[in-house]
């Protein structure tokens, strides 16, 4: 896919992977429209990149509908919609540890935001027989995120929805990419965007993740990974599911033993 002069909308664009993607899309001469729930940060990024923006809570369908309308007014047709916004509640520990509010928030942000975007952008794309959905999901969708059951469950659902979009609408000229980054130094994990800790064994910067994701989009790949070793873990999981569960149990015990509790900020050191 040639991104020059394409009209691109990015949610969760105020920081992390979303901000990095926006920066590189602009460098590739795309027309970029930004969205995020954090108005102060979003306005700063938009000013730096000279992009239009819309404050948007992707968990709210009315907000997503308003975002699409605003973006189409500013740019014209949306060529690529990047659903990047996501949410992770730390310290979940066990599936029943979170109350209904947290589970529903995770569901709405990590899954329904993709559905809302497709619901309001897909009809126009089908009409012109072209369009692209870039959905930033997570390696948790392929494996699991220890200590984060709501995150793991909703990210798995998001990947399944991306598969359904690709299967159902490929013949209509619709392209879909599902990016499943592993450990990326973003505010979600408590890291500054531009700095990696010295012991960053399996951690990459948001900028590096963005470059790999964009490369996958240029190749029009469905599954985009930012860690070359991830596919090996995924293959081992499906080769022997029971043994994979045992291995993940051991990993959890290792993390708890080393830290006294499950600490998502430091989990990347053990993977």
C-alpha atoms as a PDB file:
ATOM      1  CA  UNK A   1       0.000   0.000   0.000  1.00  0.00           C
ATOM      2  CA  UNK A   2       1.326   3.421  -0.937  1.00  0.00           C
ATOM      3  CA  UNK A   3       0.618   5.750   1.985  1.00  0.00           C
ATOM      4  CA  UNK A   4       1.449   9.040   0.274  1.00  0.00           C
ATOM      5  CA  UNK A   5      -1.586  11.361   0.188  1.00  0.00           C
ATOM      6  CA  UNK A   6      -3.749   8.718   1.899  1.00  0.00           C
ATOM      7  CA  UNK A   7      -6.206   9.968   4.530  1.00  0.00           C
ATOM      8  CA  UNK A   8      -5.489   8.231   7.828  1.00  0.00           C
ATOM      9  CA  UNK A   9      -7.305   8.376  11.174  1.00  0.00           C
ATOM     10  CA  UNK A  10      -5.490   7.211  14.320  1.00  0.00           C
ATOM     11  CA  UNK A  11      -7.078   6.691  17.723  1.00  0.00           C
ATOM     12  CA  UNK A  12      -4.982   6.692  20.891  1.00  0.00           C
ATOM     13  CA  UNK A  13      -2.686   9.131  19.117  1.00  0.00           C
ATOM     14  CA  UNK A  14      -1.630  11.276  22.080  1.00  0.00           C
ATOM     15  CA  UNK A  15       1.226   8.997  23.140  1.00  0.00           C
ATOM     16  CA  UNK A  16       2.928   5.646  22.668  1.00  0.00           C
ATOM     17  CA  UNK A  17       2.517   3.660  19.469  1.00  0.00           C
ATOM     18  CA  UNK A  18      -0.286   5.921  18.236  1.00  0.00           C
ATOM     19  CA  UNK A  19       1.849   9.041  18.424  1.00  0.00           C
ATOM     20  CA  UNK A  20       4.797   7.232  16.808  1.00  0.00           C
ATOM     21  CA  UNK A  21       2.606   5.944  13.988  1.00  0.00           C
ATOM     22  CA  UNK A  22       1.236   9.432  13.388  1.00  0.00           C
ATOM     23  CA  UNK A  23       4.738  10.884  13.185  1.00  0.00           C
ATOM     24  CA  UNK A  24       5.878   8.325  10.606  1.00  0.00           C
ATOM     25  CA  UNK A  25       2.681   8.543   8.570  1.00  0.00           C
ATOM     26  CA  UNK A  26       3.227  12.302   8.314  1.00  0.00           C
ATOM     27  CA  UNK A  27       6.809  11.700   7.146  1.00  0.00           C
ATOM     28  CA  UNK A  28       5.394   9.423   4.449  1.00  0.00           C
ATOM     29  CA  UNK A  29       3.272  12.371   3.220  1.00  0.00           C
ATOM     30  CA  UNK A  30      -0.047  10.965   4.409  1.00  0.00           C
ATOM     31  CA  UNK A  31      -2.865  13.202   5.602  1.00  0.00           C
ATOM     32  CA  UNK A  32      -3.287  12.315   9.260  1.00  0.00           C
ATOM     33  CA  UNK A  33      -6.203  12.968  11.614  1.00  0.00           C
ATOM     34  CA  UNK A  34      -5.611  12.309  15.315  1.00  0.00           C
ATOM     35  CA  UNK A  35      -7.942  11.184  18.092  1.00  0.00           C
ATOM     36  CA  UNK A  36      -7.514  10.510  21.792  1.00  0.00           C
ATOM     37  CA  UNK A  37      -9.377  10.969  25.060  1.00  0.00           C
ATOM     38  CA  UNK A  38      -6.493  13.015  26.538  1.00  0.00           C
ATOM     39  CA  UNK A  39      -7.137  16.499  25.142  1.00  0.00           C
ATOM     40  CA  UNK A  40      -4.014  18.294  26.525  1.00  0.00           C
ATOM     41  CA  UNK A  41      -1.569  15.699  25.189  1.00  0.00           C
ATOM     42  CA  UNK A  42      -3.491  15.287  21.952  1.00  0.00           C
ATOM     43  CA  UNK A  43      -3.449  18.995  21.177  1.00  0.00           C
ATOM     44  CA  UNK A  44       0.331  19.120  21.725  1.00  0.00           C
ATOM     45  CA  UNK A  45       0.946  16.180  19.385  1.00  0.00           C
ATOM     46  CA  UNK A  46      -1.414  17.659  16.797  1.00  0.00           C
ATOM     47  CA  UNK A  47       0.355  21.007  16.983  1.00  0.00           C
ATOM     48  CA  UNK A  48       3.770  19.375  16.608  1.00  0.00           C
ATOM     49  CA  UNK A  49       2.703  17.265  13.629  1.00  0.00           C
ATOM     50  CA  UNK A  50       0.398  19.949  12.207  1.00  0.00           C
ATOM     51  CA  UNK A  51      -2.568  17.605  12.110  1.00  0.00           C
ATOM     52  CA  UNK A  52      -6.247  18.078  12.783  1.00  0.00           C
ATOM     53  CA  UNK A  53      -7.670  16.229  15.760  1.00  0.00           C
ATOM     54  CA  UNK A  54     -10.796  15.254  17.641  1.00  0.00           C
ATOM     55  CA  UNK A  55     -11.100  14.400  21.334  1.00  0.00           C
ATOM     56  CA  UNK A  56     -12.744  10.995  21.380  1.00  0.00           C
ATOM     57  CA  UNK A  57     -13.664   8.290  23.868  1.00  0.00           C
ATOM     58  CA  UNK A  58     -13.544   5.208  21.648  1.00  0.00           C
ATOM     59  CA  UNK A  59     -15.670   3.298  24.172  1.00  0.00           C
ATOM     60  CA  UNK A  60     -18.566   5.549  23.192  1.00  0.00           C
ATOM     61  CA  UNK A  61     -20.076   4.898  19.746  1.00  0.00           C
ATOM     62  CA  UNK A  62     -21.404   8.440  19.469  1.00  0.00           C
ATOM     63  CA  UNK A  63     -17.859   9.761  19.937  1.00  0.00           C
ATOM     64  CA  UNK A  64     -16.546   7.445  17.231  1.00  0.00           C
ATOM     65  CA  UNK A  65     -19.348   8.508  14.881  1.00  0.00           C
ATOM     66  CA  UNK A  66     -18.485  12.176  15.533  1.00  0.00           C
ATOM     67  CA  UNK A  67     -14.804  11.411  14.938  1.00  0.00           C
ATOM     68  CA  UNK A  68     -15.536   9.821  11.558  1.00  0.00           C
ATOM     69  CA  UNK A  69     -17.717  12.741  10.505  1.00  0.00           C
ATOM     70  CA  UNK A  70     -15.109  15.295  11.592  1.00  0.00           C
ATOM     71  CA  UNK A  71     -12.293  13.439   9.836  1.00  0.00           C
ATOM     72  CA  UNK A  72     -14.284  13.123   6.614  1.00  0.00           C
ATOM     73  CA  UNK A  73     -15.112  16.830   6.753  1.00  0.00           C
ATOM     74  CA  UNK A  74     -11.431  17.716   7.187  1.00  0.00           C
ATOM     75  CA  UNK A  75      -9.807  15.143   4.900  1.00  0.00           C
ATOM     76  CA  UNK A  76     -12.457  13.602   2.674  1.00  0.00           C
ATOM     77  CA  UNK A  77     -12.775   9.822   2.409  1.00  0.00           C
ATOM     78  CA  UNK A  78     -10.948   7.792   5.066  1.00  0.00           C
ATOM     79  CA  UNK A  79      -8.478   5.490   3.338  1.00  0.00           C
ATOM     80  CA  UNK A  80      -7.020   3.900   6.455  1.00  0.00           C
ATOM     81  CA  UNK A  81      -8.537   3.756   9.929  1.00  0.00           C
ATOM     82  CA  UNK A  82      -6.038   2.856  12.640  1.00  0.00           C
ATOM     83  CA  UNK A  83      -7.736   1.638  15.829  1.00  0.00           C
ATOM     84  CA  UNK A  84      -4.874   1.968  18.262  1.00  0.00           C
ATOM     85  CA  UNK A  85      -6.507   3.008  21.550  1.00  0.00           C
ATOM     86  CA  UNK A  86      -6.415   0.320  24.224  1.00  0.00           C
ATOM     87  CA  UNK A  87      -6.652  -0.095  27.978  1.00  0.00           C
ATOM     88  CA  UNK A  88      -4.876  -2.283  30.521  1.00  0.00           C
ATOM     89  CA  UNK A  89      -5.769  -2.511  34.187  1.00  0.00           C
ATOM     90  CA  UNK A  90      -2.733  -3.477  36.229  1.00  0.00           C
ATOM     91  CA  UNK A  91      -2.844  -5.857  39.135  1.00  0.00           C
ATOM     92  CA  UNK A  92      -5.793  -7.912  37.909  1.00  0.00           C
ATOM     93  CA  UNK A  93      -4.157 -11.042  39.387  1.00  0.00           C
ATOM     94  CA  UNK A  94      -7.039 -13.464  38.708  1.00  0.00           C
ATOM     95  CA  UNK A  95     -10.066 -13.374  36.365  1.00  0.00           C
ATOM     96  CA  UNK A  96     -12.504 -12.581  39.168  1.00  0.00           C
ATOM     97  CA  UNK A  97     -10.411  -9.811  40.721  1.00  0.00           C
ATOM     98  CA  UNK A  98     -11.930  -7.062  38.583  1.00  0.00           C
ATOM     99  CA  UNK A  99     -15.482  -5.926  39.070  1.00  0.00           C
ATOM    100  CA  UNK A 100     -18.033  -5.506  36.271  1.00  0.00           C
ATOM    101  CA  UNK A 101     -17.026  -1.911  35.554  1.00  0.00           C
ATOM    102  CA  UNK A 102     -13.454  -2.860  34.667  1.00  0.00           C
ATOM    103  CA  UNK A 103     -14.492  -5.834  32.535  1.00  0.00           C
ATOM    104  CA  UNK A 104     -16.973  -3.733  30.581  1.00  0.00           C
ATOM    105  CA  UNK A 105     -14.492  -0.881  30.149  1.00  0.00           C
ATOM    106  CA  UNK A 106     -11.924  -3.337  28.806  1.00  0.00           C
ATOM    107  CA  UNK A 107     -14.531  -4.807  26.454  1.00  0.00           C
ATOM    108  CA  UNK A 108     -15.673  -1.443  25.123  1.00  0.00           C
ATOM    109  CA  UNK A 109     -12.191   0.015  24.579  1.00  0.00           C
ATOM    110  CA  UNK A 110     -10.334  -3.095  23.405  1.00  0.00           C
ATOM    111  CA  UNK A 111     -13.076  -4.667  21.281  1.00  0.00           C
ATOM    112  CA  UNK A 112     -16.101  -2.491  20.623  1.00  0.00           C
ATOM    113  CA  UNK A 113     -13.989   0.479  19.538  1.00  0.00           C
ATOM    114  CA  UNK A 114     -12.917  -1.617  16.528  1.00  0.00           C
ATOM    115  CA  UNK A 115     -16.527  -2.555  15.868  1.00  0.00           C
ATOM    116  CA  UNK A 116     -17.696   1.063  16.087  1.00  0.00           C
ATOM    117  CA  UNK A 117     -14.988   2.200  13.676  1.00  0.00           C
ATOM    118  CA  UNK A 118     -15.878  -0.481  11.148  1.00  0.00           C
ATOM    119  CA  UNK A 119     -19.605   0.206  11.540  1.00  0.00           C
ATOM    120  CA  UNK A 120     -19.184   3.858  10.561  1.00  0.00           C
ATOM    121  CA  UNK A 121     -16.346   3.632   8.013  1.00  0.00           C
ATOM    122  CA  UNK A 122     -16.881   0.301   6.262  1.00  0.00           C
ATOM    123  CA  UNK A 123     -20.016   1.214   4.242  1.00  0.00           C
ATOM    124  CA  UNK A 124     -18.205   4.024   2.411  1.00  0.00           C
ATOM    125  CA  UNK A 125     -15.188   1.782   1.828  1.00  0.00           C
ATOM    126  CA  UNK A 126     -17.353  -0.969   0.366  1.00  0.00           C
ATOM    127  CA  UNK A 127     -19.097   1.549  -1.875  1.00  0.00           C
ATOM    128  CA  UNK A 128     -15.802   2.558  -3.461  1.00  0.00           C
ATOM    129  CA  UNK A 129     -14.313  -0.979  -3.194  1.00  0.00           C
ATOM    130  CA  UNK A 130     -11.230   0.118  -1.267  1.00  0.00           C
ATOM    131  CA  UNK A 131     -10.204   0.795   2.296  1.00  0.00           C
ATOM    132  CA  UNK A 132      -7.845  -0.334   5.023  1.00  0.00           C
ATOM    133  CA  UNK A 133      -8.232  -1.154   8.720  1.00  0.00           C
ATOM    134  CA  UNK A 134      -5.083  -1.202  10.835  1.00  0.00           C
ATOM    135  CA  UNK A 135      -5.945  -2.581  14.258  1.00  0.00           C
ATOM    136  CA  UNK A 136      -3.307  -2.417  16.972  1.00  0.00           C
ATOM    137  CA  UNK A 137      -4.060  -5.392  19.176  1.00  0.00           C
ATOM    138  CA  UNK A 138      -1.426  -7.176  21.296  1.00  0.00           C
ATOM    139  CA  UNK A 139       0.712 -10.288  21.570  1.00  0.00           C
ATOM    140  CA  UNK A 140      -1.666 -11.136  24.422  1.00  0.00           C
ATOM    141  CA  UNK A 141      -4.163 -12.095  21.722  1.00  0.00           C
ATOM    142  CA  UNK A 142      -1.833 -14.837  20.508  1.00  0.00           C
ATOM    143  CA  UNK A 143      -0.435 -15.960  23.846  1.00  0.00           C
ATOM    144  CA  UNK A 144      -1.733 -14.411  27.063  1.00  0.00           C
ATOM    145  CA  UNK A 145      -0.836 -11.596  29.447  1.00  0.00           C
ATOM    146  CA  UNK A 146      -0.066 -13.021  32.863  1.00  0.00           C
ATOM    147  CA  UNK A 147      -1.876 -11.066  35.548  1.00  0.00           C
ATOM    148  CA  UNK A 148      -4.241  -9.401  33.078  1.00  0.00           C
ATOM    149  CA  UNK A 149      -7.213 -11.662  32.282  1.00  0.00           C
ATOM    150  CA  UNK A 150      -9.537  -8.909  31.052  1.00  0.00           C
ATOM    151  CA  UNK A 151      -6.809  -7.563  28.767  1.00  0.00           C
ATOM    152  CA  UNK A 152      -5.987 -11.035  27.418  1.00  0.00           C
ATOM    153  CA  UNK A 153      -9.621 -11.962  26.837  1.00  0.00           C
ATOM    154  CA  UNK A 154     -10.558  -8.730  25.074  1.00  0.00           C
ATOM    155  CA  UNK A 155      -7.435  -8.620  22.937  1.00  0.00           C
ATOM    156  CA  UNK A 156      -8.140 -12.180  21.787  1.00  0.00           C
ATOM    157  CA  UNK A 157     -11.645 -11.079  20.838  1.00  0.00           C
ATOM    158  CA  UNK A 158     -10.237  -8.077  18.965  1.00  0.00           C
ATOM    159  CA  UNK A 159      -8.000 -10.333  16.889  1.00  0.00           C
ATOM    160  CA  UNK A 160     -10.955 -12.575  16.096  1.00  0.00           C
ATOM    161  CA  UNK A 161     -12.939  -9.532  14.935  1.00  0.00           C
ATOM    162  CA  UNK A 162     -10.046  -8.451  12.692  1.00  0.00           C
ATOM    163  CA  UNK A 163     -10.014 -11.935  11.155  1.00  0.00           C
ATOM    164  CA  UNK A 164     -13.749 -11.694  10.533  1.00  0.00           C
ATOM    165  CA  UNK A 165     -13.365  -8.322   8.812  1.00  0.00           C
ATOM    166  CA  UNK A 166     -10.633  -9.671   6.538  1.00  0.00           C
ATOM    167  CA  UNK A 167     -12.582 -12.831   5.705  1.00  0.00           C
ATOM    168  CA  UNK A 168     -15.940 -11.145   5.180  1.00  0.00           C
ATOM    169  CA  UNK A 169     -14.896  -8.094   3.194  1.00  0.00           C
ATOM    170  CA  UNK A 170     -11.706  -8.989   1.366  1.00  0.00           C
ATOM    171  CA  UNK A 171     -13.695  -9.540  -1.812  1.00  0.00           C
ATOM    172  CA  UNK A 172     -15.004  -5.963  -1.432  1.00  0.00           C
ATOM    173  CA  UNK A 173     -11.498  -4.540  -1.686  1.00  0.00           C
ATOM    174  CA  UNK A 174     -11.070  -4.121   2.075  1.00  0.00           C
ATOM    175  CA  UNK A 175      -7.620  -4.739   3.576  1.00  0.00           C
ATOM    176  CA  UNK A 176      -7.036  -5.523   7.252  1.00  0.00           C
ATOM    177  CA  UNK A 177      -3.861  -5.648   9.315  1.00  0.00           C
ATOM    178  CA  UNK A 178      -3.798  -6.865  12.904  1.00  0.00           C
ATOM    179  CA  UNK A 179      -0.637  -5.709  14.672  1.00  0.00           C
ATOM    180  CA  UNK A 180       0.278  -7.754  17.748  1.00  0.00           C
ATOM    181  CA  UNK A 181       3.220  -6.019  19.411  1.00  0.00           C
ATOM    182  CA  UNK A 182       4.748  -7.670  22.439  1.00  0.00           C
ATOM    183  CA  UNK A 183       6.497  -5.495  25.038  1.00  0.00           C
ATOM    184  CA  UNK A 184       6.708  -1.866  23.925  1.00  0.00           C
ATOM    185  CA  UNK A 185       7.932   1.009  26.107  1.00  0.00           C
ATOM    186  CA  UNK A 186       4.749   3.077  26.304  1.00  0.00           C
ATOM    187  CA  UNK A 187       2.840   4.878  29.062  1.00  0.00           C
ATOM    188  CA  UNK A 188       0.530   1.837  29.276  1.00  0.00           C
ATOM    189  CA  UNK A 189       3.414  -0.079  30.827  1.00  0.00           C
ATOM    190  CA  UNK A 190       4.684   2.918  32.756  1.00  0.00           C
ATOM    191  CA  UNK A 191       7.599   3.877  30.487  1.00  0.00           C
ATOM    192  CA  UNK A 192       8.571   7.178  28.939  1.00  0.00           C
ATOM    193  CA  UNK A 193       8.021   7.023  25.189  1.00  0.00           C
ATOM    194  CA  UNK A 194      11.548   7.910  24.162  1.00  0.00           C
ATOM    195  CA  UNK A 195      13.596   6.054  26.765  1.00  0.00           C
ATOM    196  CA  UNK A 196      14.296   2.378  27.265  1.00  0.00           C
ATOM    197  CA  UNK A 197      15.565   1.050  30.603  1.00  0.00           C
ATOM    198  CA  UNK A 198      19.080  -0.357  30.637  1.00  0.00           C
ATOM    199  CA  UNK A 199      17.824  -3.880  31.282  1.00  0.00           C
ATOM    200  CA  UNK A 200      15.438  -3.785  28.310  1.00  0.00           C
ATOM    201  CA  UNK A 201      15.906  -7.444  27.440  1.00  0.00           C
ATOM    202  CA  UNK A 202      12.799  -7.893  25.298  1.00  0.00           C
ATOM    203  CA  UNK A 203      11.448  -4.363  25.213  1.00  0.00           C
ATOM    204  CA  UNK A 204      11.367  -2.094  22.171  1.00  0.00           C
ATOM    205  CA  UNK A 205      10.568   1.583  21.786  1.00  0.00           C
ATOM    206  CA  UNK A 206       7.240   2.848  20.467  1.00  0.00           C
ATOM    207  CA  UNK A 207       9.114   4.301  17.496  1.00  0.00           C
ATOM    208  CA  UNK A 208      10.628   0.939  16.587  1.00  0.00           C
ATOM    209  CA  UNK A 209       7.242  -0.769  16.950  1.00  0.00           C
ATOM    210  CA  UNK A 210       5.640   1.852  14.704  1.00  0.00           C
ATOM    211  CA  UNK A 211       8.240   1.357  11.985  1.00  0.00           C
ATOM    212  CA  UNK A 212       7.697  -2.397  11.978  1.00  0.00           C
ATOM    213  CA  UNK A 213       3.922  -1.965  11.904  1.00  0.00           C
ATOM    214  CA  UNK A 214       4.100   0.469   8.997  1.00  0.00           C
ATOM    215  CA  UNK A 215       6.374  -1.921   7.112  1.00  0.00           C
ATOM    216  CA  UNK A 216       3.709  -4.587   7.538  1.00  0.00           C
ATOM    217  CA  UNK A 217       1.051  -2.210   6.208  1.00  0.00           C
ATOM    218  CA  UNK A 218       3.188  -1.380   3.181  1.00  0.00           C
ATOM    219  CA  UNK A 219       3.330  -5.128   2.506  1.00  0.00           C
ATOM    220  CA  UNK A 220      -0.402  -5.438   3.257  1.00  0.00           C
ATOM    221  CA  UNK A 221       0.225  -8.242   5.763  1.00  0.00           C
ATOM    222  CA  UNK A 222      -2.647  -9.369   7.953  1.00  0.00           C
ATOM    223  CA  UNK A 223      -0.666 -10.385  11.049  1.00  0.00           C
ATOM    224  CA  UNK A 224       2.085  -7.933  11.950  1.00  0.00           C
ATOM    225  CA  UNK A 225       4.514  -8.858  14.729  1.00  0.00           C
ATOM    226  CA  UNK A 226       7.163  -6.650  16.308  1.00  0.00           C
ATOM    227  CA  UNK A 227       9.072  -9.551  17.877  1.00  0.00           C
ATOM    228  CA  UNK A 228      10.511 -12.217  15.588  1.00  0.00           C
ATOM    229  CA  UNK A 229      10.448 -14.790  18.389  1.00  0.00           C
ATOM    230  CA  UNK A 230       6.737 -14.407  19.058  1.00  0.00           C
ATOM    231  CA  UNK A 231       5.642 -16.714  16.266  1.00  0.00           C
ATOM    232  CA  UNK A 232       7.780 -19.504  17.759  1.00  0.00           C
ATOM    233  CA  UNK A 233       5.998 -19.187  21.105  1.00  0.00           C
ATOM    234  CA  UNK A 234       2.672 -19.163  19.265  1.00  0.00           C
ATOM    235  CA  UNK A 235       3.589 -22.329  17.356  1.00  0.00           C
ATOM    236  CA  UNK A 236       4.659 -24.078  20.566  1.00  0.00           C
ATOM    237  CA  UNK A 237       1.355 -23.147  22.171  1.00  0.00           C
ATOM    238  CA  UNK A 238      -0.687 -24.779  19.425  1.00  0.00           C
ATOM    239  CA  UNK A 239       1.614 -27.774  19.135  1.00  0.00           C
ATOM    240  CA  UNK A 240       1.058 -28.737  22.783  1.00  0.00           C
ATOM    241  CA  UNK A 241      -1.549 -26.613  24.567  1.00  0.00           C
ATOM    242  CA  UNK A 242      -1.256 -28.492  27.865  1.00  0.00           C
ATOM    243  CA  UNK A 243       2.508 -28.069  27.995  1.00  0.00           C
ATOM    244  CA  UNK A 244       2.146 -24.388  27.134  1.00  0.00           C
ATOM    245  CA  UNK A 245      -0.228 -23.892  30.086  1.00  0.00           C
ATOM    246  CA  UNK A 246       2.296 -25.599  32.381  1.00  0.00           C
ATOM    247  CA  UNK A 247       5.047 -23.346  31.050  1.00  0.00           C
ATOM    248  CA  UNK A 248       2.970 -20.216  31.624  1.00  0.00           C
ATOM    249  CA  UNK A 249       2.190 -21.379  35.160  1.00  0.00           C
ATOM    250  CA  UNK A 250       5.914 -21.721  35.803  1.00  0.00           C
ATOM    251  CA  UNK A 251       6.534 -18.274  34.361  1.00  0.00           C
ATOM    252  CA  UNK A 252       3.878 -16.775  36.609  1.00  0.00           C
ATOM    253  CA  UNK A 253       5.431 -18.461  39.635  1.00  0.00           C
ATOM    254  CA  UNK A 254       8.829 -17.122  38.614  1.00  0.00           C
ATOM    255  CA  UNK A 255       7.503 -13.589  38.370  1.00  0.00           C
ATOM    256  CA  UNK A 256       5.667 -13.800  41.692  1.00  0.00           C
ATOM    257  CA  UNK A 257       8.692 -15.332  43.413  1.00  0.00           C
ATOM    258  CA  UNK A 258      11.012 -12.633  42.070  1.00  0.00           C
ATOM    259  CA  UNK A 259       8.756  -9.656  42.771  1.00  0.00           C
ATOM    260  CA  UNK A 260       6.398 -10.841  45.488  1.00  0.00           C
ATOM    261  CA  UNK A 261       3.452 -10.072  43.212  1.00  0.00           C
ATOM    262  CA  UNK A 262       2.622  -9.959  39.521  1.00  0.00           C
ATOM    263  CA  UNK A 263       4.187  -6.766  38.213  1.00  0.00           C
ATOM    264  CA  UNK A 264       3.336  -5.967  34.601  1.00  0.00           C
ATOM    265  CA  UNK A 265       5.966  -3.226  34.463  1.00  0.00           C
ATOM    266  CA  UNK A 266       8.744  -5.782  34.893  1.00  0.00           C
ATOM    267  CA  UNK A 267       7.292  -8.845  33.189  1.00  0.00           C
ATOM    268  CA  UNK A 268       9.227  -8.234  29.981  1.00  0.00           C
ATOM    269  CA  UNK A 269      12.445  -9.166  31.817  1.00  0.00           C
ATOM    270  CA  UNK A 270      11.249 -12.745  32.173  1.00  0.00           C
ATOM    271  CA  UNK A 271       9.840 -13.425  28.709  1.00  0.00           C
END
